[in-house]
PDB file of N, CA and C in Angstrom:
ATOM      1  N   UNK A   1       0.844  -1.184   0.000  1.00  0.00           N
ATOM      2  CA  UNK A   1       0.000   0.000   0.000  1.00  0.00           C
ATOM      3  C   UNK A   1       0.889   1.246   0.000  1.00  0.00           C
ATOM      4  N   UNK A   2       0.516   2.222  -0.796  1.00  0.00           N
ATOM      5  CA  UNK A   2       1.263   3.469  -0.885  1.00  0.00           C
ATOM      6  C   UNK A   2       0.804   4.385   0.242  1.00  0.00           C
ATOM      7  N   UNK A   3       1.717   4.786   1.118  1.00  0.00           N
ATOM      8  CA  UNK A   3       1.338   5.541   2.307  1.00  0.00           C
ATOM      9  C   UNK A   3       0.888   6.962   2.014  1.00  0.00           C
ATOM     10  N   UNK A   4       1.365   7.577   0.953  1.00  0.00           N
ATOM     11  CA  UNK A   4       0.984   8.957   0.672  1.00  0.00           C
ATOM     12  C   UNK A   4      -0.097   9.069  -0.402  1.00  0.00           C
ATOM     13  N   UNK A   5      -0.807   7.999  -0.649  1.00  0.00           N
ATOM     14  CA  UNK A   5      -1.879   7.994  -1.640  1.00  0.00           C
ATOM     15  C   UNK A   5      -3.048   8.831  -1.127  1.00  0.00           C
ATOM     16  N   UNK A   6      -3.685   9.644  -1.988  1.00  0.00           N
ATOM     17  CA  UNK A   6      -4.793  10.511  -1.552  1.00  0.00           C
ATOM     18  C   UNK A   6      -5.951   9.761  -0.888  1.00  0.00           C
ATOM     19  N   UNK A   7      -6.207   8.524  -1.295  1.00  0.00           N
ATOM     20  CA  UNK A   7      -7.305   7.779  -0.673  1.00  0.00           C
ATOM     21  C   UNK A   7      -7.038   7.459   0.792  1.00  0.00           C
ATOM     22  N   UNK A   8      -5.775   7.482   1.189  1.00  0.00           N
ATOM     23  CA  UNK A   8      -5.438   7.242   2.595  1.00  0.00           C
ATOM     24  C   UNK A   8      -5.818   8.426   3.474  1.00  0.00           C
ATOM     25  N   UNK A   9      -6.165   9.542   2.877  1.00  0.00           N
ATOM     26  CA  UNK A   9      -6.556  10.734   3.626  1.00  0.00           C
ATOM     27  C   UNK A   9      -8.063  10.823   3.819  1.00  0.00           C
ATOM     28  N   UNK A  10      -8.815   9.878   3.258  1.00  0.00           N
ATOM     29  CA  UNK A  10     -10.277   9.883   3.341  1.00  0.00           C
ATOM     30  C   UNK A  10     -10.722   8.711   4.207  1.00  0.00           C
ATOM     31  N   UNK A  11     -11.654   8.994   5.128  1.00  0.00           N
ATOM     32  CA  UNK A  11     -12.144   7.989   6.066  1.00  0.00           C
ATOM     33  C   UNK A  11     -13.661   7.902   6.007  1.00  0.00           C
ATOM     34  N   UNK A  12     -14.178   6.719   6.257  1.00  0.00           N
ATOM     35  CA  UNK A  12     -15.615   6.593   6.475  1.00  0.00           C
ATOM     36  C   UNK A  12     -15.895   7.049   7.913  1.00  0.00           C
ATOM     37  N   UNK A  13     -17.147   7.329   8.227  1.00  0.00           N
ATOM     38  CA  UNK A  13     -17.472   7.727   9.596  1.00  0.00           C
ATOM     39  C   UNK A  13     -17.089   6.657  10.621  1.00  0.00           C
ATOM     40  N   UNK A  14     -17.348   5.372  10.349  1.00  0.00           N
ATOM     41  CA  UNK A  14     -16.916   4.375  11.341  1.00  0.00           C
ATOM     42  C   UNK A  14     -15.394   4.376  11.568  1.00  0.00           C
ATOM     43  N   UNK A  15     -14.618   4.516  10.487  1.00  0.00           N
ATOM     44  CA  UNK A  15     -13.159   4.565  10.631  1.00  0.00           C
ATOM     45  C   UNK A  15     -12.735   5.792  11.431  1.00  0.00           C
ATOM     46  N   UNK A  16     -13.278   6.946  11.058  1.00  0.00           N
ATOM     47  CA  UNK A  16     -12.912   8.197  11.724  1.00  0.00           C
ATOM     48  C   UNK A  16     -13.324   8.176  13.192  1.00  0.00           C
ATOM     49  N   UNK A  17     -14.495   7.649  13.473  1.00  0.00           N
ATOM     50  CA  UNK A  17     -14.981   7.594  14.855  1.00  0.00           C
ATOM     51  C   UNK A  17     -14.031   6.757  15.715  1.00  0.00           C
ATOM     52  N   UNK A  18     -13.611   5.635  15.186  1.00  0.00           N
ATOM     53  CA  UNK A  18     -12.700   4.764  15.929  1.00  0.00           C
ATOM     54  C   UNK A  18     -11.342   5.439  16.129  1.00  0.00           C
ATOM     55  N   UNK A  19     -10.809   6.020  15.066  1.00  0.00           N
ATOM     56  CA  UNK A  19      -9.492   6.646  15.132  1.00  0.00           C
ATOM     57  C   UNK A  19      -9.449   7.842  16.076  1.00  0.00           C
ATOM     58  N   UNK A  20     -10.522   8.630  16.096  1.00  0.00           N
ATOM     59  CA  UNK A  20     -10.532   9.870  16.878  1.00  0.00           C
ATOM     60  C   UNK A  20     -11.355   9.755  18.155  1.00  0.00           C
ATOM     61  N   UNK A  21     -11.811   8.525  18.451  1.00  0.00           N
ATOM     62  CA  UNK A  21     -12.526   8.222  19.691  1.00  0.00           C
ATOM     63  C   UNK A  21     -13.731   9.134  19.925  1.00  0.00           C
ATOM     64  N   UNK A  22     -14.569   9.253  18.882  1.00  0.00           N
ATOM     65  CA  UNK A  22     -15.852   9.951  18.967  1.00  0.00           C
ATOM     66  C   UNK A  22     -16.914   8.994  18.431  1.00  0.00           C
ATOM     67  N   UNK A  23     -18.170   9.310  18.663  1.00  0.00           N
ATOM     68  CA  UNK A  23     -19.213   8.412  18.180  1.00  0.00           C
ATOM     69  C   UNK A  23     -19.517   8.678  16.710  1.00  0.00           C
ATOM     70  N   UNK A  24     -19.965   7.634  16.034  1.00  0.00           N
ATOM     71  CA  UNK A  24     -20.390   7.786  14.638  1.00  0.00           C
ATOM     72  C   UNK A  24     -21.549   8.766  14.535  1.00  0.00           C
ATOM     73  N   UNK A  25     -22.481   8.690  15.478  1.00  0.00           N
ATOM     74  CA  UNK A  25     -23.631   9.592  15.458  1.00  0.00           C
ATOM     75  C   UNK A  25     -23.198  11.044  15.525  1.00  0.00           C
ATOM     76  N   UNK A  26     -22.214  11.345  16.356  1.00  0.00           N
ATOM     77  CA  UNK A  26     -21.723  12.720  16.462  1.00  0.00           C
ATOM     78  C   UNK A  26     -21.113  13.166  15.134  1.00  0.00           C
ATOM     79  N   UNK A  27     -20.308  12.308  14.517  1.00  0.00           N
ATOM     80  CA  UNK A  27     -19.696  12.668  13.235  1.00  0.00           C
ATOM     81  C   UNK A  27     -20.745  12.908  12.159  1.00  0.00           C
ATOM     82  N   UNK A  28     -21.718  12.027  12.081  1.00  0.00           N
ATOM     83  CA  UNK A  28     -22.769  12.181  11.074  1.00  0.00           C
ATOM     84  C   UNK A  28     -23.555  13.469  11.300  1.00  0.00           C
ATOM     85  N   UNK A  29     -23.811  13.794  12.560  1.00  0.00           N
ATOM     86  CA  UNK A  29     -24.535  15.031  12.875  1.00  0.00           C
ATOM     87  C   UNK A  29     -23.715  16.243  12.440  1.00  0.00           C
ATOM     88  N   UNK A  30     -22.423  16.231  12.735  1.00  0.00           N
ATOM     89  CA  UNK A  30     -21.553  17.339  12.332  1.00  0.00           C
ATOM     90  C   UNK A  30     -21.505  17.477  10.807  1.00  0.00           C
ATOM     91  N   UNK A  31     -21.496  16.353  10.108  1.00  0.00           N
ATOM     92  CA  UNK A  31     -21.510  16.385   8.641  1.00  0.00           C
ATOM     93  C   UNK A  31     -22.823  16.989   8.137  1.00  0.00           C
ATOM     94  N   UNK A  32     -23.935  16.503   8.650  1.00  0.00           N
ATOM     95  CA  UNK A  32     -25.256  16.995   8.214  1.00  0.00           C
ATOM     96  C   UNK A  32     -25.426  18.478   8.498  1.00  0.00           C
ATOM     97  N   UNK A  33     -24.904  18.937   9.629  1.00  0.00           N
ATOM     98  CA  UNK A  33     -25.082  20.326  10.043  1.00  0.00           C
ATOM     99  C   UNK A  33     -24.075  21.267   9.406  1.00  0.00           C
ATOM    100  N   UNK A  34     -23.181  20.745   8.572  1.00  0.00           N
ATOM    101  CA  UNK A  34     -22.237  21.595   7.848  1.00  0.00           C
ATOM    102  C   UNK A  34     -21.053  22.075   8.666  1.00  0.00           C
ATOM    103  N   UNK A  35     -20.719  21.364   9.736  1.00  0.00           N
ATOM    104  CA  UNK A  35     -19.580  21.758  10.564  1.00  0.00           C
ATOM    105  C   UNK A  35     -18.247  21.480   9.869  1.00  0.00           C
ATOM    106  N   UNK A  36     -18.231  20.510   8.974  1.00  0.00           N
ATOM    107  CA  UNK A  36     -17.061  20.271   8.137  1.00  0.00           C
ATOM    108  C   UNK A  36     -17.221  21.106   6.874  1.00  0.00           C
ATOM    109  N   UNK A  37     -16.122  21.545   6.286  1.00  0.00           N
ATOM    110  CA  UNK A  37     -16.205  22.286   5.032  1.00  0.00           C
ATOM    111  C   UNK A  37     -16.524  21.317   3.897  1.00  0.00           C
ATOM    112  N   UNK A  38     -16.868  21.868   2.739  1.00  0.00           N
ATOM    113  CA  UNK A  38     -17.178  21.013   1.584  1.00  0.00           C
ATOM    114  C   UNK A  38     -15.958  20.230   1.114  1.00  0.00           C
ATOM    115  N   UNK A  39     -14.762  20.682   1.485  1.00  0.00           N
ATOM    116  CA  UNK A  39     -13.541  19.958   1.131  1.00  0.00           C
ATOM    117  C   UNK A  39     -13.160  18.915   2.177  1.00  0.00           C
ATOM    118  N   UNK A  40     -13.865  18.901   3.309  1.00  0.00           N
ATOM    119  CA  UNK A  40     -13.531  17.975   4.395  1.00  0.00           C
ATOM    120  C   UNK A  40     -14.505  16.808   4.516  1.00  0.00           C
ATOM    121  N   UNK A  41     -15.715  16.956   4.015  1.00  0.00           N
ATOM    122  CA  UNK A  41     -16.704  15.893   4.163  1.00  0.00           C
ATOM    123  C   UNK A  41     -17.698  15.935   3.014  1.00  0.00           C
ATOM    124  N   UNK A  42     -18.173  14.756   2.639  1.00  0.00           N
ATOM    125  CA  UNK A  42     -19.226  14.673   1.633  1.00  0.00           C
ATOM    126  C   UNK A  42     -19.946  13.344   1.792  1.00  0.00           C
ATOM    127  N   UNK A  43     -21.152  13.320   1.277  1.00  0.00           N
ATOM    128  CA  UNK A  43     -21.938  12.101   1.324  1.00  0.00           C
ATOM    129  C   UNK A  43     -21.751  11.355   0.007  1.00  0.00           C
ATOM    130  N   UNK A  44     -21.469  10.067   0.110  1.00  0.00           N
ATOM    131  CA  UNK A  44     -21.313   9.200  -1.061  1.00  0.00           C
ATOM    132  C   UNK A  44     -22.365   8.108  -0.926  1.00  0.00           C
ATOM    133  N   UNK A  45     -23.476   8.279  -1.610  1.00  0.00           N
ATOM    134  CA  UNK A  45     -24.587   7.351  -1.441  1.00  0.00           C
ATOM    135  C   UNK A  45     -25.155   7.517  -0.050  1.00  0.00           C
ATOM    136  N   UNK A  46     -25.138   6.466   0.744  1.00  0.00           N
ATOM    137  CA  UNK A  46     -25.655   6.570   2.111  1.00  0.00           C
ATOM    138  C   UNK A  46     -24.540   6.736   3.141  1.00  0.00           C
ATOM    139  N   UNK A  47     -23.299   6.886   2.685  1.00  0.00           N
ATOM    140  CA  UNK A  47     -22.148   6.985   3.576  1.00  0.00           C
ATOM    141  C   UNK A  47     -21.560   8.388   3.584  1.00  0.00           C
ATOM    142  N   UNK A  48     -21.145   8.842   4.763  1.00  0.00           N
ATOM    143  CA  UNK A  48     -20.401  10.077   4.887  1.00  0.00           C
ATOM    144  C   UNK A  48     -18.917   9.753   4.843  1.00  0.00           C
ATOM    145  N   UNK A  49     -18.170  10.552   4.087  1.00  0.00           N
ATOM    146  CA  UNK A  49     -16.722  10.443   4.015  1.00  0.00           C
ATOM    147  C   UNK A  49     -16.127  11.732   4.570  1.00  0.00           C
ATOM    148  N   UNK A  50     -15.081  11.599   5.369  1.00  0.00           N
ATOM    149  CA  UNK A  50     -14.418  12.769   5.943  1.00  0.00           C
ATOM    150  C   UNK A  50     -12.918  12.641   5.731  1.00  0.00           C
ATOM    151  N   UNK A  51     -12.250  13.777   5.663  1.00  0.00           N
ATOM    152  CA  UNK A  51     -10.800  13.752   5.503  1.00  0.00           C
ATOM    153  C   UNK A  51     -10.124  13.770   6.869  1.00  0.00           C
ATOM    154  N   UNK A  52      -8.918  13.243   6.906  1.00  0.00           N
ATOM    155  CA  UNK A  52      -8.130  13.303   8.140  1.00  0.00           C
ATOM    156  C   UNK A  52      -7.879  14.761   8.523  1.00  0.00           C
ATOM    157  N   UNK A  53      -7.671  15.622   7.523  1.00  0.00           N
ATOM    158  CA  UNK A  53      -7.446  17.039   7.781  1.00  0.00           C
ATOM    159  C   UNK A  53      -8.661  17.651   8.485  1.00  0.00           C
ATOM    160  N   UNK A  54      -9.853  17.313   8.029  1.00  0.00           N
ATOM    161  CA  UNK A  54     -11.065  17.811   8.665  1.00  0.00           C
ATOM    162  C   UNK A  54     -11.215  17.299  10.085  1.00  0.00           C
ATOM    163  N   UNK A  55     -10.881  16.031  10.294  1.00  0.00           N
ATOM    164  CA  UNK A  55     -10.964  15.458  11.634  1.00  0.00           C
ATOM    165  C   UNK A  55      -9.976  16.141  12.570  1.00  0.00           C
ATOM    166  N   UNK A  56      -8.781  16.428  12.078  1.00  0.00           N
ATOM    167  CA  UNK A  56      -7.790  17.123  12.910  1.00  0.00           C
ATOM    168  C   UNK A  56      -8.247  18.536  13.235  1.00  0.00           C
ATOM    169  N   UNK A  57      -8.880  19.205  12.291  1.00  0.00           N
ATOM    170  CA  UNK A  57      -9.380  20.552  12.559  1.00  0.00           C
ATOM    171  C   UNK A  57     -10.466  20.522  13.630  1.00  0.00           C
ATOM    172  N   UNK A  58     -11.344  19.541  13.554  1.00  0.00           N
ATOM    173  CA  UNK A  58     -12.462  19.460  14.490  1.00  0.00           C
ATOM    174  C   UNK A  58     -12.051  18.914  15.860  1.00  0.00           C
ATOM    175  N   UNK A  59     -11.164  17.931  15.876  1.00  0.00           N
ATOM    176  CA  UNK A  59     -10.876  17.209  17.122  1.00  0.00           C
ATOM    177  C   UNK A  59      -9.424  17.272  17.569  1.00  0.00           C
ATOM    178  N   UNK A  60      -8.578  17.943  16.789  1.00  0.00           N
ATOM    179  CA  UNK A  60      -7.177  18.041  17.153  1.00  0.00           C
ATOM    180  C   UNK A  60      -6.356  16.887  16.625  1.00  0.00           C
ATOM    181  N   UNK A  61      -5.065  17.117  16.573  1.00  0.00           N
ATOM    182  CA  UNK A  61      -4.158  16.088  16.094  1.00  0.00           C
ATOM    183  C   UNK A  61      -4.018  15.031  17.177  1.00  0.00           C
ATOM    184  N   UNK A  62      -4.115  13.800  16.760  1.00  0.00           N
ATOM    185  CA  UNK A  62      -4.033  12.677  17.696  1.00  0.00           C
ATOM    186  C   UNK A  62      -2.628  12.098  17.708  1.00  0.00           C
ATOM    187  N   UNK A  63      -2.036  11.986  18.869  1.00  0.00           N
ATOM    188  CA  UNK A  63      -0.698  11.427  18.968  1.00  0.00           C
ATOM    189  C   UNK A  63      -0.689   9.928  18.698  1.00  0.00           C
ATOM    190  N   UNK A  64      -1.729   9.245  19.142  1.00  0.00           N
ATOM    191  CA  UNK A  64      -1.779   7.792  19.023  1.00  0.00           C
ATOM    192  C   UNK A  64      -2.934   7.348  18.146  1.00  0.00           C
ATOM    193  N   UNK A  65      -2.977   7.832  16.929  1.00  0.00           N
ATOM    194  CA  UNK A  65      -4.061   7.450  16.026  1.00  0.00           C
ATOM    195  C   UNK A  65      -3.974   5.958  15.729  1.00  0.00           C
ATOM    196  N   UNK A  66      -5.095   5.298  15.882  1.00  0.00           N
ATOM    197  CA  UNK A  66      -5.167   3.863  15.592  1.00  0.00           C
ATOM    198  C   UNK A  66      -5.036   3.643  14.094  1.00  0.00           C
ATOM    199  N   UNK A  67      -4.343   2.623  13.714  1.00  0.00           N
ATOM    200  CA  UNK A  67      -4.227   2.261  12.290  1.00  0.00           C
ATOM    201  C   UNK A  67      -5.421   1.405  11.918  1.00  0.00           C
ATOM    202  N   UNK A  68      -6.130   1.793  10.878  1.00  0.00           N
ATOM    203  CA  UNK A  68      -7.307   1.047  10.409  1.00  0.00           C
ATOM    204  C   UNK A  68      -6.872   0.171   9.260  1.00  0.00           C
TER     205      UNK A  68
END
């Protein structure tokens, strides 16, 4: 796997919730309410996708981010 590939910067809500230790419901609510910018989150079908950059802006940089 290429570590600097752009797809590695995009997370599903379940992945992001686990990595940043927040609930999926909270992330989905923040996405629906427009708390993430249009470049940080979008809906793909029935799934919300968020960027690591957006998660860091909202929740801070994590020293011990879990590897998914």
